Amino acid sequence: MSQTTLKIDGMSCGHCVNSVKKALQSVDGVTGEQVAIGSATVEYDPQVASPEKLVDAVRDAGYTATPAA
């Protein structure tokens, strides 16, 4: 398993947190996620998922995501 942290812009409430959680859970290979306003830490199977797929899922949900440095 691998883990990455994403910086997420555009989140302001609990609804935003739930939207991002659902988006990340929809990515095949995600095994766990911790989402807070402004960030998410995601555990995933690197054979199936990638940080790019996670960023795309968050963007599809309407937020701006970038891998944290």
C-alpha atoms as a PDB file:
ATOM      1  CA  MET A   1       0.000   0.000   0.000  1.00  0.00           C
ATOM      2  CA  SER A   2       1.017   3.588  -0.619  1.00  0.00           C
ATOM      3  CA  GLN A   3      -0.101   6.797   1.011  1.00  0.00           C
ATOM      4  CA  THR A   4      -0.332  10.353  -0.291  1.00  0.00           C
ATOM      5  CA  THR A   5      -1.599  13.650   1.014  1.00  0.00           C
ATOM      6  CA  LEU A   6      -3.534  16.026  -1.199  1.00  0.00           C
ATOM      7  CA  LYS A   7      -3.995  19.753  -0.680  1.00  0.00           C
ATOM      8  CA  ILE A   8      -7.571  20.582  -1.638  1.00  0.00           C
ATOM      9  CA  ASP A   9      -8.864  24.084  -2.352  1.00  0.00           C
ATOM     10  CA  GLY A  10     -12.517  25.053  -2.471  1.00  0.00           C
ATOM     11  CA  MET A  11     -13.702  23.136   0.587  1.00  0.00           C
ATOM     12  CA  SER A  12     -15.599  25.085   3.266  1.00  0.00           C
ATOM     13  CA  CYS A  13     -17.968  22.755   5.120  1.00  0.00           C
ATOM     14  CA  GLY A  14     -18.918  19.231   6.108  1.00  0.00           C
ATOM     15  CA  HIS A  15     -20.761  18.731   2.825  1.00  0.00           C
ATOM     16  CA  CYS A  16     -17.486  19.429   1.002  1.00  0.00           C
ATOM     17  CA  VAL A  17     -15.704  16.845   3.155  1.00  0.00           C
ATOM     18  CA  ASN A  18     -18.362  14.243   2.339  1.00  0.00           C
ATOM     19  CA  SER A  19     -18.198  15.032  -1.383  1.00  0.00           C
ATOM     20  CA  VAL A  20     -14.429  14.577  -1.440  1.00  0.00           C
ATOM     21  CA  LYS A  21     -14.667  11.339   0.588  1.00  0.00           C
ATOM     22  CA  LYS A  22     -17.178   9.901  -1.885  1.00  0.00           C
ATOM     23  CA  ALA A  23     -15.018  10.961  -4.826  1.00  0.00           C
ATOM     24  CA  LEU A  24     -11.934   9.281  -3.361  1.00  0.00           C
ATOM     25  CA  GLN A  25     -13.859   6.132  -2.408  1.00  0.00           C
ATOM     26  CA  SER A  26     -15.000   5.831  -6.025  1.00  0.00           C
ATOM     27  CA  VAL A  27     -11.396   5.325  -7.203  1.00  0.00           C
ATOM     28  CA  ASP A  28     -10.514   1.649  -7.574  1.00  0.00           C
ATOM     29  CA  GLY A  29      -7.644   0.728  -5.263  1.00  0.00           C
ATOM     30  CA  VAL A  30      -8.382   3.240  -2.496  1.00  0.00           C
ATOM     31  CA  THR A  31      -8.326   1.412   0.834  1.00  0.00           C
ATOM     32  CA  GLY A  32      -8.730   4.324   3.234  1.00  0.00           C
ATOM     33  CA  GLU A  33      -9.002   8.061   3.416  1.00  0.00           C
ATOM     34  CA  GLN A  34      -8.984  10.805   6.010  1.00  0.00           C
ATOM     35  CA  VAL A  35     -10.515  14.015   4.715  1.00  0.00           C
ATOM     36  CA  ALA A  36     -10.578  17.388   6.448  1.00  0.00           C
ATOM     37  CA  ILE A  37     -11.321  20.833   5.091  1.00  0.00           C
ATOM     38  CA  GLY A  38      -8.332  21.643   2.894  1.00  0.00           C
ATOM     39  CA  SER A  39      -6.636  18.242   2.745  1.00  0.00           C
ATOM     40  CA  ALA A  40      -6.956  14.502   2.397  1.00  0.00           C
ATOM     41  CA  THR A  41      -4.639  11.644   3.264  1.00  0.00           C
ATOM     42  CA  VAL A  42      -5.321   8.608   1.124  1.00  0.00           C
ATOM     43  CA  GLU A  43      -4.101   5.009   1.314  1.00  0.00           C
ATOM     44  CA  TYR A  44      -4.219   3.200  -2.005  1.00  0.00           C
ATOM     45  CA  ASP A  45      -2.930   0.208  -3.932  1.00  0.00           C
ATOM     46  CA  PRO A  46      -0.303   1.576  -6.360  1.00  0.00           C
ATOM     47  CA  GLN A  47      -0.975  -1.349  -8.715  1.00  0.00           C
ATOM     48  CA  VAL A  48      -4.493   0.028  -9.287  1.00  0.00           C
ATOM     49  CA  ALA A  49      -4.574   3.720  -8.330  1.00  0.00           C
ATOM     50  CA  SER A  50      -2.190   6.645  -8.576  1.00  0.00           C
ATOM     51  CA  PRO A  51      -1.975  10.160  -7.147  1.00  0.00           C
ATOM     52  CA  GLU A  52      -3.050  11.448 -10.553  1.00  0.00           C
ATOM     53  CA  LYS A  53      -6.264   9.378 -10.432  1.00  0.00           C
ATOM     54  CA  LEU A  54      -6.962  10.691  -6.934  1.00  0.00           C
ATOM     55  CA  VAL A  55      -6.454  14.297  -8.058  1.00  0.00           C
ATOM     56  CA  ASP A  56      -8.722  13.707 -11.068  1.00  0.00           C
ATOM     57  CA  ALA A  57     -11.483  12.289  -8.834  1.00  0.00           C
ATOM     58  CA  VAL A  58     -11.340  15.308  -6.518  1.00  0.00           C
ATOM     59  CA  ARG A  59     -11.355  17.681  -9.487  1.00  0.00           C
ATOM     60  CA  ASP A  60     -14.367  15.852 -10.956  1.00  0.00           C
ATOM     61  CA  ALA A  61     -16.147  16.525  -7.641  1.00  0.00           C
ATOM     62  CA  GLY A  62     -15.593  20.249  -8.154  1.00  0.00           C
ATOM     63  CA  TYR A  63     -12.494  20.982  -6.080  1.00  0.00           C
ATOM     64  CA  THR A  64      -8.883  21.810  -6.872  1.00  0.00           C
ATOM     65  CA  ALA A  65      -6.401  19.172  -5.677  1.00  0.00           C
ATOM     66  CA  THR A  66      -2.630  19.010  -5.754  1.00  0.00           C
ATOM     67  CA  PRO A  67      -0.257  16.530  -4.148  1.00  0.00           C
ATOM     68  CA  ALA A  68       1.176  18.062  -0.963  1.00  0.00           C
ATOM     69  CA  ALA A  69       4.902  18.713  -1.036  1.00  0.00           C
END
